[in-house]
Protein backbone atom coordinates (compact mmCIF):
# COMPACT_ATOMS: atom_id res chain seq x y z
CA UNK A 1 -9.29 23.49 26.81
CA UNK A 2 -12.01 25.73 25.90
CA UNK A 3 -15.71 24.55 27.01
CA UNK A 4 -17.19 25.24 23.85
CA UNK A 5 -14.71 23.88 21.42
CA UNK A 6 -11.17 22.18 21.31
CA UNK A 7 -8.21 23.71 19.93
CA UNK A 8 -8.29 22.88 16.14
CA UNK A 9 -5.13 22.56 14.32
CA UNK A 10 -6.45 19.90 11.42
CA UNK A 11 -7.45 22.67 9.10
CA UNK A 12 -5.76 20.84 6.30
CA UNK A 13 -8.17 17.78 6.69
CA UNK A 14 -11.46 20.20 6.81
CA UNK A 15 -11.40 23.88 7.93
CA UNK A 16 -13.07 24.75 11.01
CA UNK A 17 -14.87 27.01 12.41
CA UNK A 18 -16.73 28.35 9.02
CA UNK A 19 -17.36 32.05 8.27
CA UNK A 20 -20.73 32.65 9.99
CA UNK A 21 -22.52 33.61 6.39
CA UNK A 22 -21.63 29.81 5.37
CA UNK A 23 -24.23 28.26 7.68
CA UNK A 24 -26.49 31.40 6.80
CA UNK A 25 -26.39 30.59 3.19
CA UNK A 26 -27.03 27.12 3.59
CA UNK A 27 -30.18 27.27 5.86
CA UNK A 28 -31.27 29.75 3.64
CA UNK A 29 -30.85 27.54 0.43
CA UNK A 30 -32.56 24.81 2.29
CA UNK A 31 -35.66 26.85 3.11
CA UNK A 32 -35.78 28.91 -0.50
CA UNK A 33 -33.86 26.79 -3.22
CA UNK A 34 -34.59 23.28 -2.25
CA UNK A 35 -35.74 21.66 -5.23
CA UNK A 36 -33.55 20.08 -8.24
CA UNK A 37 -31.74 22.73 -10.23
CA UNK A 38 -32.51 22.14 -13.95
CA UNK A 39 -35.04 19.55 -13.82
CA UNK A 40 -37.74 22.10 -13.74
CA UNK A 41 -39.61 25.33 -14.31
CA UNK A 42 -40.84 26.06 -11.23
CA UNK A 43 -39.97 28.96 -8.87
CA UNK A 44 -38.01 26.88 -6.54
CA UNK A 45 -35.97 25.15 -9.20
CA UNK A 46 -35.36 28.43 -10.88
CA UNK A 47 -33.80 29.46 -7.53
CA UNK A 48 -31.61 26.38 -7.08
CA UNK A 49 -30.30 26.68 -10.51
CA UNK A 50 -29.39 30.27 -9.70
CA UNK A 51 -27.70 29.20 -6.60
CA UNK A 52 -25.37 26.87 -8.64
CA UNK A 53 -24.70 29.41 -11.16
CA UNK A 54 -23.70 31.79 -8.62
CA UNK A 55 -21.36 29.21 -7.26
CA UNK A 56 -19.62 28.83 -10.75
CA UNK A 57 -19.24 32.47 -11.05
CA UNK A 58 -17.70 33.26 -7.80
CA UNK A 59 -15.19 30.06 -8.09
CA UNK A 60 -14.60 31.68 -11.88
CA UNK A 61 -13.73 34.82 -10.54
CA UNK A 62 -11.37 33.53 -7.84
CA UNK A 63 -9.44 31.21 -9.82
CA UNK A 64 -9.24 33.67 -12.93
CA UNK A 65 -11.54 31.52 -14.89
CA UNK A 66 -12.99 33.10 -18.26
CA UNK A 67 -15.91 30.70 -18.52
CA UNK A 68 -17.71 29.42 -15.38
CA UNK A 69 -19.49 26.42 -17.35
CA UNK A 70 -16.03 25.22 -17.58
CA UNK A 71 -16.50 24.39 -13.63
CA UNK A 72 -17.97 21.28 -13.12
CA UNK A 73 -19.23 20.46 -9.35
CA UNK A 74 -18.04 17.62 -7.32
CA UNK A 75 -18.31 15.59 -4.10
CA UNK A 76 -14.76 16.47 -3.07
CA UNK A 77 -11.02 17.10 -4.67
CA UNK A 78 -10.87 13.11 -4.62
CA UNK A 79 -14.03 13.23 -6.90
CA UNK A 80 -12.44 15.72 -9.12
CA UNK A 81 -9.20 13.95 -9.50
CA UNK A 82 -10.72 10.69 -10.71
CA UNK A 83 -12.89 12.36 -13.24
CA UNK A 84 -9.84 14.07 -14.55
CA UNK A 85 -7.61 11.09 -14.15
CA UNK A 86 -9.98 8.36 -15.24
CA UNK A 87 -11.73 10.66 -18.06
CA UNK A 88 -8.33 11.43 -19.88
CA UNK A 89 -6.10 8.48 -20.17
CA UNK A 90 -6.20 5.69 -22.43
CA UNK A 91 -4.31 2.42 -22.95
CA UNK A 92 -0.64 2.92 -23.03
CA UNK A 93 -0.34 6.89 -21.72
CA UNK A 94 2.05 7.55 -19.64
CA UNK A 95 1.95 10.02 -16.86
CA UNK A 96 4.43 12.07 -14.97
CA UNK A 97 3.57 12.75 -11.17
CA UNK A 98 5.78 13.26 -7.98
CA UNK A 99 6.46 11.36 -5.11
CA UNK A 100 4.50 13.87 -2.69
CA UNK A 101 1.11 13.00 -4.14
CA UNK A 102 -2.37 12.06 -2.17
CA UNK A 103 -3.53 8.38 -2.67
CA UNK A 104 -6.48 10.21 -4.58
CA UNK A 105 -3.93 10.78 -7.38
CA UNK A 106 -1.94 7.70 -6.95
CA UNK A 107 -4.59 5.31 -6.59
CA UNK A 108 -6.52 6.36 -9.31
CA UNK A 109 -3.32 5.84 -11.31
CA UNK A 110 -2.37 2.75 -10.15
CA UNK A 111 -5.95 1.34 -10.79
CA UNK A 112 -5.40 2.48 -14.47
CA UNK A 113 -2.11 0.75 -14.78
CA UNK A 114 -3.55 -2.46 -13.59
CA UNK A 115 -6.48 -2.15 -15.83
CA UNK A 116 -5.11 -0.31 -18.79
CA UNK A 117 -1.62 -0.68 -18.76
CA UNK A 118 -0.63 2.93 -18.54
CA UNK A 119 3.19 3.78 -17.38
CA UNK A 120 3.51 5.97 -14.50
CA UNK A 121 6.94 8.00 -13.61
CA UNK A 122 7.05 9.49 -9.57
CA UNK A 123 9.67 12.33 -10.14
CA UNK A 124 11.39 12.51 -6.61
CA UNK A 125 11.70 15.22 -4.26
CA UNK A 126 14.67 16.21 -2.03
CA UNK A 127 14.73 16.22 1.86
CA UNK A 128 12.49 19.30 1.92
CA UNK A 129 10.09 17.78 -0.41
CA UNK A 130 11.29 20.35 -3.27
CA UNK A 131 10.78 18.88 -6.52
CA UNK A 132 13.39 19.67 -9.20
CA UNK A 133 11.76 21.24 -12.62
CA UNK A 134 14.63 19.59 -14.55
CA UNK A 135 13.62 16.18 -13.39
CA UNK A 136 10.03 17.04 -14.43
CA UNK A 137 11.18 17.88 -17.92
CA UNK A 138 13.21 14.58 -18.06
CA UNK A 139 10.30 12.62 -17.30
CA UNK A 140 8.52 13.56 -20.49
CA UNK A 141 8.08 11.27 -22.97
CA UNK A 142 6.57 10.96 -26.37
CA UNK A 143 3.63 8.91 -24.88
CA UNK A 144 3.24 11.15 -21.86
CA UNK A 145 -0.64 12.37 -21.92
CA UNK A 146 -0.63 13.91 -18.08
CA UNK A 147 1.52 15.97 -15.70
CA UNK A 148 -0.61 15.36 -12.35
CA UNK A 149 0.81 17.47 -9.16
CA UNK A 150 -0.15 18.73 -6.00
CA UNK A 151 0.47 22.39 -5.66
CA UNK A 152 0.94 22.11 -2.26
CA UNK A 153 1.91 18.67 0.03
CA UNK A 154 -0.53 17.66 2.53
CA UNK A 155 2.27 16.30 4.85
CA UNK A 156 5.00 18.83 4.39
CA UNK A 157 3.32 22.25 3.28
CA UNK A 158 5.84 22.46 0.26
CA UNK A 159 4.70 24.62 -2.29
CA UNK A 160 5.29 23.26 -6.12
CA UNK A 161 6.48 25.69 -8.67
CA UNK A 162 3.22 25.10 -10.72
CA UNK A 163 3.93 28.19 -12.97
CA UNK A 164 6.67 26.96 -14.49
CA UNK A 165 5.51 23.52 -14.31
CA UNK A 166 2.98 24.74 -16.73
CA UNK A 167 5.21 26.59 -18.68
CA UNK A 168 7.07 23.08 -19.18
CA UNK A 169 3.73 21.44 -19.62
CA UNK A 170 2.51 23.94 -22.63
CA UNK A 171 5.80 23.17 -24.43
CA UNK A 172 5.69 19.52 -24.39
CA UNK A 173 1.85 19.97 -25.28
CA UNK A 174 0.55 17.77 -22.39
CA UNK A 175 -1.99 18.40 -19.98
CA UNK A 176 -1.40 19.70 -16.56
CA UNK A 177 -3.53 18.68 -13.75
CA UNK A 178 -3.07 20.39 -10.57
CA UNK A 179 -4.60 18.96 -7.16
CA UNK A 180 -5.25 22.30 -5.08
CA UNK A 181 -6.53 20.45 -2.07
CA UNK A 182 -4.05 22.47 0.01
CA UNK A 183 -3.87 25.55 -1.80
CA UNK A 184 -7.46 26.69 -3.41
CA UNK A 185 -8.06 29.51 -1.48
CA UNK A 186 -4.75 30.31 0.27
CA UNK A 187 -2.45 30.42 -2.88
CA UNK A 188 -3.13 32.77 -5.88
CA UNK A 189 -4.31 30.51 -8.55
CA UNK A 190 -4.73 31.78 -12.12
CA UNK A 191 -5.27 28.96 -14.42
CA UNK A 192 -4.29 30.92 -17.58
CA UNK A 193 -1.36 32.58 -16.61
CA UNK A 194 -0.01 29.22 -14.74
CA UNK A 195 -1.45 27.15 -18.02
CA UNK A 196 -3.13 24.85 -15.67
CA UNK A 197 -5.69 22.34 -17.97
CA UNK A 198 -7.17 20.83 -15.24
CA UNK A 199 -7.82 21.96 -11.60
CA UNK A 200 -9.30 19.84 -8.70
CA UNK A 201 -10.23 21.49 -5.73
CA UNK A 202 -11.95 21.07 -2.53
CA UNK A 203 -14.75 23.28 -0.93
CA UNK A 204 -14.24 21.93 3.01
CA UNK A 205 -10.60 23.24 3.24
CA UNK A 206 -9.44 26.79 2.18
CA UNK A 207 -12.35 27.80 0.35
CA UNK A 208 -14.16 27.84 3.78
CA UNK A 209 -17.34 25.75 2.56
CA UNK A 210 -19.03 22.33 3.91
CA UNK A 211 -17.84 18.91 3.41
CA UNK A 212 -19.40 17.20 0.33
CA UNK A 213 -18.35 19.83 -2.11
CA UNK A 214 -15.77 20.45 -4.44
CA UNK A 215 -15.18 20.91 -8.16
CA UNK A 216 -13.03 20.66 -11.35
CA UNK A 217 -12.20 23.24 -13.73
CA UNK A 218 -11.51 21.60 -17.22
CA UNK A 219 -9.83 23.58 -20.21
CA UNK A 220 -12.69 24.82 -22.97
CA UNK A 221 -10.73 22.65 -25.41
CA UNK A 222 -10.32 19.27 -23.43
CA UNK A 223 -12.78 16.77 -23.66
CA UNK A 224 -13.20 13.99 -20.81
CA UNK A 225 -15.28 10.84 -20.86
CA UNK A 226 -17.52 11.49 -17.84
CA UNK A 227 -16.99 9.37 -14.90
CA UNK A 228 -20.73 9.15 -14.17
CA UNK A 229 -23.57 8.92 -17.12
CA UNK A 230 -27.28 9.78 -15.82
CA UNK A 231 -29.67 12.65 -15.28
CA UNK A 232 -28.80 15.87 -16.20
CA UNK A 233 -32.07 17.82 -16.86
CA UNK A 234 -30.81 18.33 -20.42
CA UNK A 235 -31.30 16.05 -23.64
CA UNK A 236 -32.93 13.46 -21.87
CA UNK A 237 -34.29 12.25 -24.95
CA UNK A 238 -30.70 11.23 -25.71
CA UNK A 239 -29.35 7.91 -24.42
CA UNK A 240 -25.67 9.53 -24.54
CA UNK A 241 -24.28 12.05 -21.62
CA UNK A 242 -24.90 15.86 -22.82
CA UNK A 243 -21.61 17.23 -24.54
CA UNK A 244 -22.48 20.53 -23.24
CA UNK A 245 -21.05 21.64 -19.96
CA UNK A 246 -21.30 21.61 -17.01
CA UNK A 247 -24.12 19.00 -17.62
CA UNK A 248 -21.69 16.59 -19.52
CA UNK A 249 -19.89 15.95 -15.68
CA UNK A 250 -22.85 16.48 -13.56
CA UNK A 251 -24.87 13.46 -13.71
CA UNK A 252 -27.41 13.07 -10.76
CA UNK A 253 -28.84 15.87 -8.32
CA UNK A 254 -25.86 17.94 -7.20
CA UNK A 255 -25.25 19.25 -3.46
CA UNK A 256 -27.21 22.84 -3.87
CA UNK A 257 -27.40 23.60 -0.12
CA UNK A 258 -23.54 22.52 0.08
CA UNK A 259 -22.76 24.49 -2.86
CA UNK A 260 -24.51 27.66 -1.58
CA UNK A 261 -22.14 27.56 1.42
CA UNK A 262 -19.42 26.76 -0.84
CA UNK A 263 -20.07 30.03 -2.19
CA UNK A 264 -20.63 32.15 0.65
CA UNK A 265 -16.70 30.74 1.83
CA UNK A 266 -15.40 31.61 -1.38
CA UNK A 267 -16.96 35.33 -1.05
CA UNK A 268 -15.53 35.36 2.25
CA UNK A 269 -11.93 34.50 0.90
CA UNK A 270 -12.11 37.04 -2.17
CA UNK A 271 -13.28 39.63 0.58
CA UNK A 272 -10.33 39.10 3.13
CA UNK A 273 -8.27 38.06 0.04
CA UNK A 274 -5.84 35.10 -0.78
CA UNK A 275 -2.66 36.96 -0.03
CA UNK A 276 -3.68 38.24 3.74
CA UNK A 277 -5.23 34.45 4.33
CA UNK A 278 -1.72 33.07 3.39
CA UNK A 279 0.19 35.85 5.30
CA UNK A 280 -1.78 34.98 8.44
CA UNK A 281 -1.45 31.41 8.11
CA UNK A 282 2.59 31.71 7.60
CA UNK A 283 2.85 33.61 10.38
CA UNK A 284 0.88 31.15 12.73
CA UNK A 285 3.13 28.24 11.45
CA UNK A 286 6.41 30.02 11.80
CA UNK A 287 5.31 30.64 15.36
CA UNK A 288 4.35 26.97 15.70
CA UNK A 289 7.50 25.42 14.04
CA UNK A 290 9.95 28.22 16.20
CA UNK A 291 8.82 26.86 19.33
CA UNK A 292 8.85 23.09 18.42
CA UNK A 293 12.45 23.61 17.17
CA UNK A 294 13.38 24.70 20.68
CA UNK A 295 12.28 21.28 22.20
CA UNK A 296 14.84 18.54 22.09
CA UNK A 297 14.26 15.18 20.02
CA UNK A 298 11.74 17.18 17.42
CA UNK A 299 12.06 16.79 13.84
CA UNK A 300 9.95 18.85 11.59
CA UNK A 301 9.20 17.73 8.13
CA UNK A 302 9.64 19.76 4.82
CA UNK A 303 10.81 23.08 4.19
CA UNK A 304 12.72 24.91 6.71
CA UNK A 305 11.34 28.02 9.00
CA UNK A 306 12.28 30.74 6.62
CA UNK A 307 10.97 29.25 3.29
CA UNK A 308 7.26 29.32 1.93
CA UNK A 309 5.08 26.93 2.58
CA UNK A 310 1.26 26.09 3.41
CA UNK A 311 0.30 26.11 7.13
CA UNK A 312 1.12 22.68 7.57
CA UNK A 313 3.84 21.49 10.22
CA UNK A 314 4.15 17.58 10.52
CA UNK A 315 6.53 16.54 13.40
CA UNK A 316 8.15 13.41 15.03
CA UNK A 317 9.33 13.69 18.66
CA UNK A 318 11.83 10.93 19.79
CA UNK A 319 10.51 8.36 22.43
CA UNK A 320 6.96 8.64 21.58
CA UNK A 321 4.76 7.11 18.54
CA UNK A 322 3.06 10.24 16.54
CA UNK A 323 -0.65 8.19 16.78
CA UNK A 324 0.07 8.34 20.85
CA UNK A 325 1.00 11.82 20.99
CA UNK A 326 -1.98 12.98 18.78
CA UNK A 327 -4.12 10.63 21.21
CA UNK A 328 -2.63 12.59 24.30
CA UNK A 329 -3.02 15.83 22.29
CA UNK A 330 -7.04 15.29 21.78
CA UNK A 331 -7.69 13.69 25.30
CA UNK A 332 -5.39 15.49 27.86
CA UNK A 333 -4.95 18.97 26.24
CA UNK A 334 -8.04 19.13 23.91
CA UNK A 335 -6.12 19.51 20.99
CA UNK A 336 -7.20 18.30 17.53
CA UNK A 337 -4.20 17.25 15.31
CA UNK A 338 -3.96 14.19 12.92
CA UNK A 339 -1.70 11.76 13.12
CA UNK A 340 -0.39 8.72 10.78
CA UNK A 341 0.79 8.78 7.32
CA UNK A 342 -2.06 11.26 5.67
CA UNK A 343 -2.58 9.09 2.79
CA UNK A 344 0.45 10.03 0.81
CA UNK A 345 3.13 6.90 1.74
CA UNK A 346 5.37 7.77 -1.04
CA UNK A 347 5.73 11.15 0.86
CA UNK A 348 6.72 9.26 4.24
CA UNK A 349 9.11 7.23 2.19
CA UNK A 350 10.63 10.27 1.09
CA UNK A 351 10.88 11.62 4.35
CA UNK A 352 12.11 8.45 5.78
CA UNK A 353 9.03 8.12 8.17
CA UNK A 354 7.56 5.05 6.69
CA UNK A 355 7.76 3.15 10.21
CA UNK A 356 6.35 5.94 12.27
CA UNK A 357 4.53 8.61 10.47
CA UNK A 358 4.31 12.03 11.80
CA UNK A 359 2.01 14.34 13.94
CA UNK A 360 0.49 17.08 11.43
CA UNK A 361 -0.75 20.43 12.94
CA UNK A 362 -1.95 22.52 10.87
CA UNK A 363 -3.48 26.16 11.93
CA UNK A 364 -5.87 27.96 9.98
CA UNK A 365 -7.19 31.40 9.26
CA UNK A 366 -9.27 31.70 12.62
CA UNK A 367 -6.67 29.98 14.83
CA UNK A 368 -5.53 32.20 17.32
CA UNK A 369 -2.07 32.63 18.85
CA UNK A 370 -2.93 31.46 22.09
CA UNK A 371 -4.08 28.25 20.48
CA UNK A 372 -0.21 27.92 18.96
CA UNK A 373 0.91 28.80 22.69
CA UNK A 374 -1.24 26.42 24.03
CA UNK A 375 0.04 23.47 21.71
CA UNK A 376 3.48 24.36 22.30
CA UNK A 377 2.91 23.66 26.08
CA UNK A 378 1.30 20.54 25.81
CA UNK A 379 4.07 19.18 23.56
CA UNK A 380 6.50 20.67 26.32
CA UNK A 381 4.50 18.71 28.74
CA UNK A 382 4.56 15.59 26.88
CA UNK A 383 8.34 16.03 26.49
CA UNK A 384 8.58 16.43 29.93
CA UNK A 385 7.06 13.58 30.85
CA UNK A 386 8.99 11.44 28.76
CA UNK A 387 12.15 12.23 29.97
CA UNK A 388 11.02 12.38 33.65
């Protein structure tokens, strides 16, 4: 264990460490732009507004979004997904989604099913977590109002064919909502080319920003009922939420300092390039998978080692509960992983791990090859102890 920090393999939850410029940008914003953006004309308020504008502009460049004002800042991906789902669906609507979705998609859908009577189709996946495009197409009905899909599974690392699904959605006239929690910053995303109508993304994972940041891209001609109503600094004389974007979806004081950090994180991603980041993380992921597969009793969930995936390796080992293994990795070896059900019970049901859950190790761009070696040595030692 490094005396300064643990071996961090929990980047699927929150990336760490952050690029040095992220903290510097946040400190600068706290010193120079800590006022309320859009709520005043004094110098510090104007600087705060500029922080938000620069953030939108930088994100628009990354996701190929024509108008930065079509991006609403949120607290996280969950907030963005709830805005999209609750803001769009009406009584009697039908939704097509998958068996790999995070609870931040499933729970708001199920809540609307109870409250409004919406209908939901969960399209199944195969043993590797791969989705059938034909199954998605066949699930669409005349009443289908939304297709919601995660770009990459937070359990398996499986990458969904979003571009092809976008074509299916466009042909059917159904909006496509993409959960980019595990793909923003590590997979190429072009909202126009991929026919993405709604894109929910976190700031604190692949975009290298701080927690408490995220956003939702909303197609220009798609109107959502705001999830929250309140002060925006504009049209204050009206009792109605403004219709102009982004104010319509950003009630209350925003996290200006966090958005300053997020912007710097996105600039880092743009500088390094998404393709280089993905290649680096995939190399580390395959190194980890190859080592784990040498040990007896190990089962790795999701795509095979030669298949494309994001940097997520979920696995089980015979003879030990995943939560116990994660505890030992942390306390004895200083290795941070996550164990349990990863907020995706349907995903575990699809993989046959409902009773046990799994250990999830997720390398990041800053992970060293020596960190992977340490993880493999620790798992080997745990396995040897079990067999002793």
